[in-house]
Amino acid sequence: MATLTINHVHCLETTDGSGADDLYINIDGNRVFGVQQIDSDEDPDVNVSRNFATKTKVSLWEYDSVSADDLIGSFFAHSSQAGEGEHAQALTGDGSRYDVYYTVTS
């Protein structure tokens, strides 16, 4: 069993361009963070951990109250990454850019 820890995210550009995103994070389809307003150049701590077997899917979303939520991007963390230190994953989607910083431990 491995453990994924999402340490923090860095917003480089919001989906709205001039306004904050209403960001939330799912791991394997379950919300683990947010909804939190995040603007460009903000770097909030997330500090969420989840156990998984071989791989787990992380997805960043932008909440929309009047239409469907916008997928910013997704990636898989793998148990084989355990012990490699902190990883950074760039996600771009719906006009936004985020970096997600995470670690995998065994």
Protein backbone atom coordinates (compact mmCIF):
# COMPACT_ATOMS: atom_id res chain seq x y z
CA MET A 1 0.00 0.00 0.00
CA ALA A 2 1.33 3.45 -0.97
CA THR A 3 0.31 6.88 0.28
CA LEU A 4 -0.19 9.92 -1.94
CA THR A 5 0.17 13.32 -0.28
CA ILE A 6 -0.79 16.42 -2.22
CA ASN A 7 1.41 19.05 -0.63
CA HIS A 8 0.30 22.23 -2.39
CA VAL A 9 -0.80 23.71 -5.70
CA HIS A 10 0.48 26.78 -7.50
CA CYS A 11 -1.88 28.75 -9.73
CA LEU A 12 -0.05 30.27 -12.68
CA GLU A 13 -3.20 31.40 -14.50
CA THR A 14 -6.89 31.14 -13.61
CA THR A 15 -9.61 29.85 -15.92
CA ASP A 16 -11.36 33.21 -15.84
CA GLY A 17 -8.19 35.12 -16.62
CA SER A 18 -9.04 38.13 -14.46
CA GLY A 19 -10.81 36.48 -11.53
CA ALA A 20 -10.17 33.79 -8.96
CA ASP A 21 -10.94 30.13 -9.61
CA ASP A 22 -13.18 28.13 -7.30
CA LEU A 23 -10.80 25.18 -7.15
CA TYR A 24 -11.44 21.71 -5.83
CA ILE A 25 -9.40 18.50 -6.01
CA ASN A 26 -10.63 14.93 -6.41
CA ILE A 27 -8.69 11.74 -5.80
CA ASP A 28 -10.28 8.78 -7.57
CA GLY A 29 -13.49 10.77 -7.97
CA ASN A 30 -13.80 11.78 -4.29
CA ARG A 31 -13.43 15.42 -3.29
CA VAL A 32 -10.50 15.90 -0.89
CA PHE A 33 -9.95 19.68 -1.09
CA GLY A 34 -12.03 22.77 -1.74
CA VAL A 35 -13.98 24.52 -3.00
CA GLN A 36 -11.43 27.29 -2.34
CA GLN A 37 -10.95 30.54 -4.21
CA ILE A 38 -7.48 30.70 -5.72
CA ASP A 39 -6.07 33.52 -7.82
CA SER A 40 -3.01 33.73 -10.06
CA ASP A 41 0.33 33.40 -8.24
CA GLU A 42 -1.31 31.91 -5.15
CA ASP A 43 0.21 28.76 -3.66
CA PRO A 44 -2.13 27.26 -1.05
CA ASP A 45 -1.15 24.28 1.07
CA VAL A 46 -3.35 21.25 0.52
CA ASN A 47 -1.74 18.62 2.78
CA VAL A 48 -4.16 15.81 1.93
CA SER A 49 -3.09 12.15 2.05
CA ARG A 50 -4.79 9.04 0.68
CA ASN A 51 -3.70 5.39 0.56
CA PHE A 52 -3.79 3.51 -2.72
CA ALA A 53 -2.59 0.22 -4.21
CA THR A 54 -0.92 0.65 -7.62
CA LYS A 55 -2.10 3.97 -9.07
CA THR A 56 -4.51 6.75 -8.16
CA LYS A 57 -6.06 9.54 -10.23
CA VAL A 58 -5.84 13.20 -9.16
CA SER A 59 -8.13 15.74 -10.86
CA LEU A 60 -8.33 19.51 -10.48
CA TRP A 61 -11.68 21.16 -11.15
CA GLU A 62 -13.07 24.68 -11.30
CA TYR A 63 -16.52 24.89 -9.72
CA ASP A 64 -19.24 26.67 -11.72
CA SER A 65 -22.57 27.48 -10.10
CA VAL A 66 -24.49 28.11 -13.35
CA SER A 67 -22.99 25.45 -15.65
CA ALA A 68 -21.01 22.22 -15.56
CA ASP A 69 -17.75 22.33 -13.61
CA ASP A 70 -14.59 22.73 -15.70
CA LEU A 71 -11.89 20.07 -15.65
CA ILE A 72 -8.50 21.74 -15.35
CA GLY A 73 -6.62 18.46 -15.70
CA SER A 74 -5.82 15.04 -14.29
CA PHE A 75 -2.81 12.83 -13.70
CA PHE A 76 -2.01 9.45 -12.18
CA ALA A 77 0.33 8.96 -9.24
CA HIS A 78 1.96 5.52 -9.11
CA SER A 79 3.20 3.42 -6.20
CA SER A 80 6.51 3.06 -8.08
CA GLN A 81 7.13 6.80 -7.33
CA ALA A 82 7.50 6.04 -3.60
CA GLY A 83 10.69 7.41 -2.10
CA GLU A 84 11.52 9.69 -5.03
CA GLY A 85 10.79 12.93 -3.15
CA GLU A 86 8.42 15.65 -4.24
CA HIS A 87 7.01 15.56 -7.75
CA ALA A 88 5.53 18.46 -9.73
CA GLN A 89 2.77 17.93 -12.28
CA ALA A 90 1.74 20.73 -14.65
CA LEU A 91 -1.96 20.82 -15.53
CA THR A 92 -3.53 23.05 -18.16
CA GLY A 93 -7.15 23.17 -19.14
CA ASP A 94 -9.99 25.58 -19.73
CA GLY A 95 -7.49 28.43 -20.05
CA SER A 96 -5.83 27.83 -16.68
CA ARG A 97 -2.38 26.63 -15.61
CA TYR A 98 -1.60 24.92 -12.31
CA ASP A 99 1.34 23.03 -10.86
CA VAL A 100 0.51 20.29 -8.34
CA TYR A 101 3.23 19.24 -5.88
CA TYR A 102 2.93 15.78 -4.34
CA THR A 103 4.86 12.93 -2.75
CA VAL A 104 4.34 9.17 -2.72
CA THR A 105 5.49 7.07 0.20
CA SER A 106 5.26 3.35 0.89
